[in-house]
Amino acid sequence: MPDPPEDDSLRTRNDGTRAPIWLDHEPILHLREWETDQVHPMPGPDIEDPVVGADPSVAVRLVDPTRSVSRKHARLIRVEGGWEIEDLHSRYGVRCDGGRATSQRFLITAGMEIGIGGITLVAENATLVRLKQYLERVLGWDTMRRPAIELALRAVRAAALGRAPLTLVGADDVVAVARQIHLRATRPGAPFVVCGKKPHASDESLRVTATIADASAALERAAGGTVCVRADKRFSGYGELVGVTSKPQAVARLYQCTKKVSKRVDRAASGIVIPKLARRSPEDLDRLVAEYATDAVRELGADPASFTEQQRVWVVRYATTSFAELEITAVRFAVRNAFESMNQAAAYLGLSHVTLGDWFKRRKLRP
């Protein structure tokens, strides 16, 4: 499979390197301390010397229990389109993504892990904030899940940088989760293409861009976005697809969904293990449904109150069997509430009014 031609899904940085737009297409908002919600906003234009360190007078003060942060450890420097950080000859230096930085001064990119003393700071933009919120939704809001959420963010970034495919492991079909991660990791409108021998029943309802059997055609259609495969069901061209997308210059990224990790799944991939919805607490399920309903209503520009309490209770009770079923049900309720007729609702969803009507009737709901 030949490499596809480059397009505007890659951009050139000031240093001449080619950078993917995945995750990195919005400005850095803050530096967040690893496994916490403690954030340090990027300094405003009124701060002339934005220093990072332990001294109470600096712009970004870090409280490190190991006492290995220097009083004036590093400096943040505004550059065109972003920020750089410079080590101020500190005792322990500045780390970048787990290793010692190769230069005293380097560009900060979205998702980068910056080590200063005993503290790791994660550079976040609005994209990363939305992604973290969604991963909390999928993995759980309990503080015990924070390490898993940080590792999941790291895995998405590895895929965004072309280091490895992203693997999603779940007992249910998790293409719905893959698509939601895609929506938060790419520019608006970026394609999400499922590649496989035949479409899955839920693909159309999840509003994927396309389902294509041929790997080369799927990659071409997904330029600037994501190719998603069900890795449990191998098909011709899968291995080549892994190879082509696992390059920084690739025009699409690969997400592979599987029920369990096996020899079929690329070993170099970074994985996210998704807990079963059946194991989530009643409080979590209530919040899950409320957030999916909010997503659906916001997309429609509808009144938040249009998704009724009665509908929310029904979804919690009957539609939390999988993330796909939960999303599809929340969207269909919201769309039906927003339009005057079944025909209009069905047209918006790309379904026939008979299909949508039957869907409600099978669930003994008023269409």
Protein backbone atom coordinates (compact mmCIF):
# COMPACT_ATOMS: atom_id res chain seq x y z
CA MET A 1 0.00 0.00 0.00
CA PRO A 2 1.74 3.26 -1.05
CA ASP A 3 1.92 6.23 1.28
CA PRO A 4 -0.94 8.66 0.52
CA PRO A 5 0.03 12.16 -0.57
CA GLU A 6 0.42 14.79 2.11
CA ASP A 7 -2.34 17.35 2.52
CA ASP A 8 -3.25 20.18 4.88
CA SER A 9 -3.87 17.73 7.71
CA LEU A 10 -0.17 18.31 8.45
CA ARG A 11 1.39 21.70 9.08
CA THR A 12 4.93 23.05 9.19
CA ARG A 13 6.29 24.39 12.48
CA ASN A 14 8.75 27.26 12.70
CA ASP A 15 11.64 24.80 13.00
CA GLY A 16 10.66 23.14 9.73
CA THR A 17 9.30 19.92 11.23
CA ARG A 18 5.95 18.55 10.14
CA ALA A 19 3.35 18.38 12.91
CA PRO A 20 0.01 16.58 12.83
CA ILE A 21 -3.00 18.66 13.65
CA TRP A 22 -4.49 15.96 15.89
CA LEU A 23 -4.76 17.37 19.44
CA ASP A 24 -2.45 20.28 18.62
CA HIS A 25 -4.75 22.63 16.70
CA GLU A 26 -5.71 24.91 19.61
CA PRO A 27 -3.50 27.09 21.86
CA ILE A 28 -2.18 25.81 25.20
CA LEU A 29 -4.43 27.00 28.04
CA HIS A 30 -2.66 25.71 31.12
CA LEU A 31 -0.25 23.23 32.68
CA ARG A 32 -2.06 20.61 34.77
CA GLU A 33 -0.38 18.62 37.51
CA TRP A 34 -0.38 14.87 36.74
CA GLU A 35 -3.25 12.86 38.29
CA THR A 36 -4.88 16.01 39.68
CA ASP A 37 -7.22 18.78 38.61
CA GLN A 38 -4.70 21.43 39.77
CA VAL A 39 -4.00 23.71 36.82
CA HIS A 40 -1.59 26.59 36.29
CA PRO A 41 -2.93 28.97 33.61
CA MET A 42 -0.47 30.17 31.01
CA PRO A 43 0.70 33.64 32.06
CA GLY A 44 -1.10 36.67 30.67
CA PRO A 45 0.56 39.45 28.66
CA ASP A 46 0.93 41.56 31.82
CA ILE A 47 3.51 39.13 33.24
CA GLU A 48 6.90 40.15 31.90
CA ASP A 49 8.99 37.26 33.21
CA PRO A 50 6.86 34.10 33.55
CA VAL A 51 9.11 31.92 35.68
CA VAL A 52 8.22 28.41 36.95
CA GLY A 53 9.58 27.36 40.32
CA ALA A 54 9.19 27.01 44.08
CA ASP A 55 9.68 30.67 44.96
CA PRO A 56 6.42 32.35 46.11
CA SER A 57 7.10 35.30 43.79
CA VAL A 58 7.19 33.38 40.48
CA ALA A 59 4.36 33.34 37.94
CA VAL A 60 3.88 29.56 38.13
CA ARG A 61 4.59 28.34 41.65
CA LEU A 62 4.98 24.60 42.21
CA VAL A 63 4.71 22.99 45.64
CA ASP A 64 6.81 19.84 45.43
CA PRO A 65 6.91 17.47 48.44
CA THR A 66 10.28 16.13 47.25
CA ARG A 67 11.75 19.66 47.36
CA SER A 68 13.49 19.11 44.04
CA VAL A 69 11.98 22.13 42.30
CA SER A 70 14.43 25.05 42.21
CA ARG A 71 13.26 28.45 43.37
CA LYS A 72 13.50 29.64 39.77
CA HIS A 73 13.52 26.42 37.80
CA ALA A 74 12.39 27.32 34.27
CA ARG A 75 10.97 30.16 32.19
CA LEU A 76 7.95 30.16 29.87
CA ILE A 77 8.59 32.05 26.63
CA ARG A 78 5.90 33.29 24.25
CA VAL A 79 6.61 32.43 20.64
CA GLU A 80 4.56 32.76 17.49
CA GLY A 81 1.65 30.37 17.80
CA GLY A 82 2.49 29.04 21.26
CA TRP A 83 4.96 28.65 24.10
CA GLU A 84 8.44 27.36 24.75
CA ILE A 85 10.00 26.44 28.09
CA GLU A 86 13.62 27.09 29.04
CA ASP A 87 15.55 25.44 31.86
CA LEU A 88 17.18 28.11 34.05
CA HIS A 89 20.19 25.93 34.85
CA SER A 90 18.23 24.19 37.59
CA ARG A 91 19.81 21.45 39.66
CA TYR A 92 17.59 18.64 38.33
CA GLY A 93 16.80 20.05 34.91
CA VAL A 94 13.56 19.78 32.93
CA ARG A 95 12.20 16.50 31.62
CA CYS A 96 10.15 16.05 28.46
CA ASP A 97 7.76 13.10 28.07
CA GLY A 98 9.53 11.06 30.73
CA GLY A 99 13.10 11.68 29.63
CA ARG A 100 15.68 14.43 30.07
CA ALA A 101 15.07 17.22 27.57
CA THR A 102 17.57 17.14 24.71
CA SER A 103 17.90 20.93 24.72
CA GLN A 104 17.72 23.65 27.34
CA ARG A 105 14.77 25.26 25.53
CA PHE A 106 11.97 23.49 23.63
CA LEU A 107 8.50 23.98 22.21
CA ILE A 108 5.50 22.99 24.35
CA THR A 109 2.91 20.92 22.47
CA ALA A 110 -0.53 19.74 23.52
CA GLY A 111 -0.38 16.68 25.75
CA MET A 112 3.35 17.02 26.41
CA GLU A 113 4.42 15.87 29.87
CA ILE A 114 6.92 18.32 31.38
CA GLY A 115 8.82 17.10 34.43
CA ILE A 116 10.00 19.71 36.92
CA GLY A 117 11.42 18.24 40.10
CA GLY A 118 8.96 15.71 41.50
CA ILE A 119 6.03 17.19 39.57
CA THR A 120 4.83 16.34 36.08
CA LEU A 121 2.88 19.03 34.24
CA VAL A 122 0.62 18.12 31.32
CA ALA A 123 0.23 20.87 28.70
CA GLU A 124 -3.45 21.14 27.84
CA ASN A 125 -5.50 23.06 25.31
CA ALA A 126 -9.29 23.05 24.97
CA THR A 127 -9.03 19.85 22.91
CA LEU A 128 -7.22 18.01 25.72
CA VAL A 129 -9.68 19.33 28.30
CA ARG A 130 -12.63 17.95 26.33
CA LEU A 131 -10.81 14.67 25.72
CA LYS A 132 -9.97 14.23 29.41
CA GLN A 133 -13.59 14.89 30.37
CA TYR A 134 -14.76 12.22 27.93
CA LEU A 135 -12.19 9.68 29.11
CA GLU A 136 -13.38 10.28 32.67
CA ARG A 137 -16.89 9.52 31.43
CA VAL A 138 -15.77 6.24 29.86
CA LEU A 139 -13.30 5.05 32.50
CA GLY A 140 -14.99 6.41 35.63
CA TRP A 141 -14.96 9.53 37.77
CA ASP A 142 -13.60 7.84 40.87
CA THR A 143 -10.22 9.23 41.95
CA MET A 144 -8.85 5.68 41.76
CA ARG A 145 -9.25 5.89 37.98
CA ARG A 146 -6.94 8.91 37.61
CA PRO A 147 -3.82 6.91 36.70
CA ALA A 148 -5.80 5.07 34.00
CA ILE A 149 -7.10 8.38 32.62
CA GLU A 150 -3.58 9.83 32.42
CA LEU A 151 -2.34 6.72 30.61
CA ALA A 152 -5.34 6.89 28.26
CA LEU A 153 -4.49 10.51 27.41
CA ARG A 154 -0.92 9.42 26.77
CA ALA A 155 -2.15 6.64 24.46
CA VAL A 156 -4.32 9.01 22.41
CA ARG A 157 -1.39 11.41 22.07
CA ALA A 158 0.92 8.57 20.95
CA ALA A 159 -1.57 7.76 18.21
CA ALA A 160 -1.93 11.44 17.30
CA LEU A 161 1.82 11.72 16.86
CA GLY A 162 1.93 8.60 14.69
CA ARG A 163 3.93 6.59 17.21
CA ALA A 164 1.48 3.67 17.34
CA PRO A 165 -2.16 2.84 16.67
CA LEU A 166 -4.64 3.43 19.48
CA THR A 167 -6.20 0.21 20.75
CA LEU A 168 -9.53 0.23 22.57
CA VAL A 169 -10.26 -2.96 24.49
CA GLY A 170 -13.81 -3.64 25.66
CA ALA A 171 -16.20 -6.53 26.11
CA ASP A 172 -18.76 -4.74 23.95
CA ASP A 173 -18.27 -3.21 20.50
CA VAL A 174 -16.35 -0.01 21.29
CA VAL A 175 -16.40 1.73 17.91
CA ALA A 176 -18.81 4.24 19.50
CA VAL A 177 -16.11 5.14 22.03
CA ALA A 178 -13.47 5.34 19.29
CA ARG A 179 -15.63 7.81 17.37
CA GLN A 180 -16.17 10.00 20.42
CA ILE A 181 -12.42 10.11 21.07
CA HIS A 182 -11.91 10.98 17.40
CA LEU A 183 -14.42 13.85 17.64
CA ARG A 184 -12.43 15.33 20.51
CA ALA A 185 -8.95 14.72 19.06
CA THR A 186 -9.40 16.20 15.57
CA ARG A 187 -10.62 19.31 13.84
CA PRO A 188 -14.40 19.67 13.42
CA GLY A 189 -15.56 17.73 10.37
CA ALA A 190 -12.56 15.40 10.21
CA PRO A 191 -13.65 12.04 8.73
CA PHE A 192 -14.10 8.88 10.82
CA VAL A 193 -14.03 5.87 8.50
CA VAL A 194 -14.66 2.27 9.58
CA CYS A 195 -12.68 -0.25 7.55
CA GLY A 196 -13.79 -3.87 7.44
CA LYS A 197 -15.36 -6.60 5.37
CA LYS A 198 -18.90 -5.46 6.11
CA PRO A 199 -20.54 -2.72 8.17
CA HIS A 200 -21.68 -3.37 11.72
CA ALA A 201 -25.35 -2.85 12.54
CA SER A 202 -24.64 0.21 14.70
CA ASP A 203 -22.24 2.01 12.32
CA GLU A 204 -24.93 3.89 10.41
CA SER A 205 -26.71 4.92 13.59
CA LEU A 206 -23.44 6.22 15.03
CA ARG A 207 -23.11 8.44 11.95
CA VAL A 208 -19.65 7.30 10.91
CA THR A 209 -18.38 9.04 7.78
CA ALA A 210 -18.25 5.80 5.78
CA THR A 211 -17.76 2.05 6.08
CA ILE A 212 -15.29 0.81 3.45
CA ALA A 213 -13.96 -2.70 2.91
CA ASP A 214 -10.83 -1.79 0.92
CA ALA A 215 -7.98 -0.59 3.16
CA SER A 216 -6.43 1.76 0.57
CA ALA A 217 -9.78 3.39 -0.19
CA ALA A 218 -10.56 3.71 3.52
CA LEU A 219 -7.24 5.43 4.17
CA GLU A 220 -7.80 7.86 1.30
CA ARG A 221 -11.34 8.66 2.53
CA ALA A 222 -10.06 9.20 6.09
CA ALA A 223 -7.39 11.79 5.17
CA GLY A 224 -7.12 14.32 7.98
CA GLY A 225 -9.01 12.04 10.36
CA THR A 226 -9.23 8.47 11.58
CA VAL A 227 -9.49 4.94 10.20
CA CYS A 228 -11.14 2.57 12.68
CA VAL A 229 -10.97 -1.22 12.44
CA ARG A 230 -12.43 -4.09 14.43
CA ALA A 231 -9.17 -5.92 15.01
CA ASP A 232 -10.90 -9.16 16.03
CA LYS A 233 -12.04 -9.51 12.42
CA ARG A 234 -8.94 -9.44 10.24
CA PHE A 235 -9.20 -8.46 6.58
CA SER A 236 -6.90 -8.10 3.60
CA GLY A 237 -4.69 -5.03 3.90
CA TYR A 238 -4.88 -4.74 7.71
CA GLY A 239 -1.13 -5.16 8.25
CA GLU A 240 -0.27 -2.60 5.61
CA LEU A 241 -2.82 -0.21 7.10
CA VAL A 242 -1.06 -0.47 10.47
CA GLY A 243 2.28 0.25 8.82
CA VAL A 244 1.15 3.24 6.79
CA THR A 245 -0.70 4.96 9.64
CA SER A 246 2.10 4.42 12.17
CA LYS A 247 4.19 7.24 10.72
CA PRO A 248 4.25 10.89 11.83
CA GLN A 249 3.62 12.04 8.25
CA ALA A 250 0.57 9.79 7.71
CA VAL A 251 -2.60 11.68 6.76
CA ALA A 252 -4.84 9.46 8.92
CA ARG A 253 -4.52 7.78 12.27
CA LEU A 254 -5.54 4.20 13.13
CA TYR A 255 -7.83 3.22 15.99
CA GLN A 256 -8.30 -0.52 16.47
CA CYS A 257 -11.13 -1.92 18.57
CA THR A 258 -10.99 -5.37 20.10
CA LYS A 259 -12.70 -7.46 22.75
CA LYS A 260 -9.34 -8.67 24.05
CA VAL A 261 -5.67 -8.15 23.31
CA SER A 262 -4.27 -10.99 21.20
CA LYS A 263 -1.70 -11.71 18.52
CA ARG A 264 -4.13 -10.16 16.04
CA VAL A 265 -3.67 -6.74 17.61
CA ASP A 266 -0.57 -4.73 16.82
CA ARG A 267 1.76 -5.16 19.79
CA ALA A 268 3.20 -1.64 19.49
CA ALA A 269 -0.20 -0.07 20.02
CA SER A 270 -1.06 1.97 23.10
CA GLY A 271 -4.21 0.63 24.71
CA ILE A 272 -7.21 1.80 26.70
CA VAL A 273 -9.18 -0.88 28.56
CA ILE A 274 -12.83 0.16 28.87
CA PRO A 275 -14.74 -1.21 31.89
CA LYS A 276 -18.13 -2.82 31.33
CA LEU A 277 -21.06 -0.50 31.86
CA ALA A 278 -22.63 -3.22 34.01
CA ARG A 279 -19.88 -2.61 36.58
CA ARG A 280 -20.56 1.10 36.88
CA SER A 281 -22.40 2.42 39.90
CA PRO A 282 -26.01 3.67 39.62
CA GLU A 283 -24.71 7.19 40.22
CA ASP A 284 -22.23 6.81 37.37
CA LEU A 285 -24.93 5.55 35.01
CA ASP A 286 -27.16 8.50 35.89
CA ARG A 287 -24.32 10.90 35.11
CA LEU A 288 -23.39 9.03 31.93
CA VAL A 289 -26.90 9.33 30.56
CA ALA A 290 -27.13 12.99 31.55
CA GLU A 291 -23.87 13.80 29.74
CA TYR A 292 -24.84 11.92 26.58
CA ALA A 293 -28.21 13.69 26.63
CA THR A 294 -26.44 17.04 27.04
CA ASP A 295 -24.18 16.23 24.06
CA ALA A 296 -27.18 15.36 21.88
CA VAL A 297 -29.22 18.41 22.88
CA ARG A 298 -26.23 20.76 22.44
CA GLU A 299 -25.57 19.43 18.93
CA LEU A 300 -29.17 20.20 18.00
CA GLY A 301 -29.13 23.62 19.65
CA ALA A 302 -32.26 22.56 21.52
CA ASP A 303 -33.60 23.48 24.95
CA PRO A 304 -31.76 21.37 27.58
CA ALA A 305 -35.10 20.78 29.28
CA SER A 306 -36.40 19.06 26.14
CA PHE A 307 -34.75 15.81 27.26
CA THR A 308 -37.18 14.90 30.01
CA GLU A 309 -36.56 13.25 33.36
CA GLN A 310 -38.82 10.39 32.31
CA GLN A 311 -36.67 9.77 29.24
CA ARG A 312 -33.48 9.91 31.27
CA VAL A 313 -34.82 7.30 33.71
CA TRP A 314 -35.85 5.07 30.78
CA VAL A 315 -32.40 5.29 29.17
CA VAL A 316 -30.67 4.46 32.48
CA ARG A 317 -32.89 1.42 32.94
CA TYR A 318 -32.96 -0.01 29.42
CA ALA A 319 -30.22 1.48 27.22
CA THR A 320 -26.99 1.27 29.25
CA THR A 321 -26.04 -2.12 27.83
CA SER A 322 -23.23 -0.60 25.73
CA PHE A 323 -21.82 2.81 24.85
CA ALA A 324 -23.19 2.42 21.33
CA GLU A 325 -26.73 1.74 22.54
CA LEU A 326 -26.50 4.56 25.06
CA GLU A 327 -25.37 7.11 22.48
CA ILE A 328 -27.87 6.01 19.82
CA THR A 329 -30.78 6.11 22.26
CA ALA A 330 -29.87 9.52 23.69
CA VAL A 331 -29.51 11.00 20.20
CA ARG A 332 -32.82 9.55 18.97
CA PHE A 333 -34.74 10.81 21.98
CA ALA A 334 -33.21 14.27 21.59
CA VAL A 335 -33.88 14.42 17.84
CA ARG A 336 -37.45 13.21 18.19
CA ASN A 337 -38.04 15.86 20.86
CA ALA A 338 -36.58 18.59 18.66
CA PHE A 339 -38.65 18.03 15.51
CA GLU A 340 -42.38 18.36 14.98
CA SER A 341 -42.78 15.18 12.95
CA MET A 342 -41.26 11.71 12.69
CA ASN A 343 -40.40 12.43 9.05
CA GLN A 344 -38.26 15.43 10.03
CA ALA A 345 -36.54 13.52 12.83
CA ALA A 346 -35.83 10.56 10.57
CA ALA A 347 -34.47 12.79 7.81
CA TYR A 348 -32.06 14.45 10.27
CA LEU A 349 -30.78 11.02 11.35
CA GLY A 350 -30.54 9.74 7.77
CA LEU A 351 -33.18 7.07 8.40
CA SER A 352 -36.58 6.36 6.91
CA HIS A 353 -39.52 7.42 9.06
CA VAL A 354 -40.66 3.76 9.07
CA THR A 355 -37.30 2.59 10.46
CA LEU A 356 -37.28 5.23 13.18
CA GLY A 357 -40.94 4.63 14.04
CA ASP A 358 -40.35 0.90 14.33
CA TRP A 359 -37.35 1.54 16.60
CA PHE A 360 -39.57 3.43 19.06
CA LYS A 361 -42.40 0.89 18.80
CA ARG A 362 -40.13 -2.09 19.52
CA ARG A 363 -39.20 -0.37 22.74
CA LYS A 364 -42.87 0.32 23.52
CA LEU A 365 -42.30 4.07 23.33
CA ARG A 366 -44.52 6.68 21.77
CA PRO A 367 -42.92 7.73 18.46
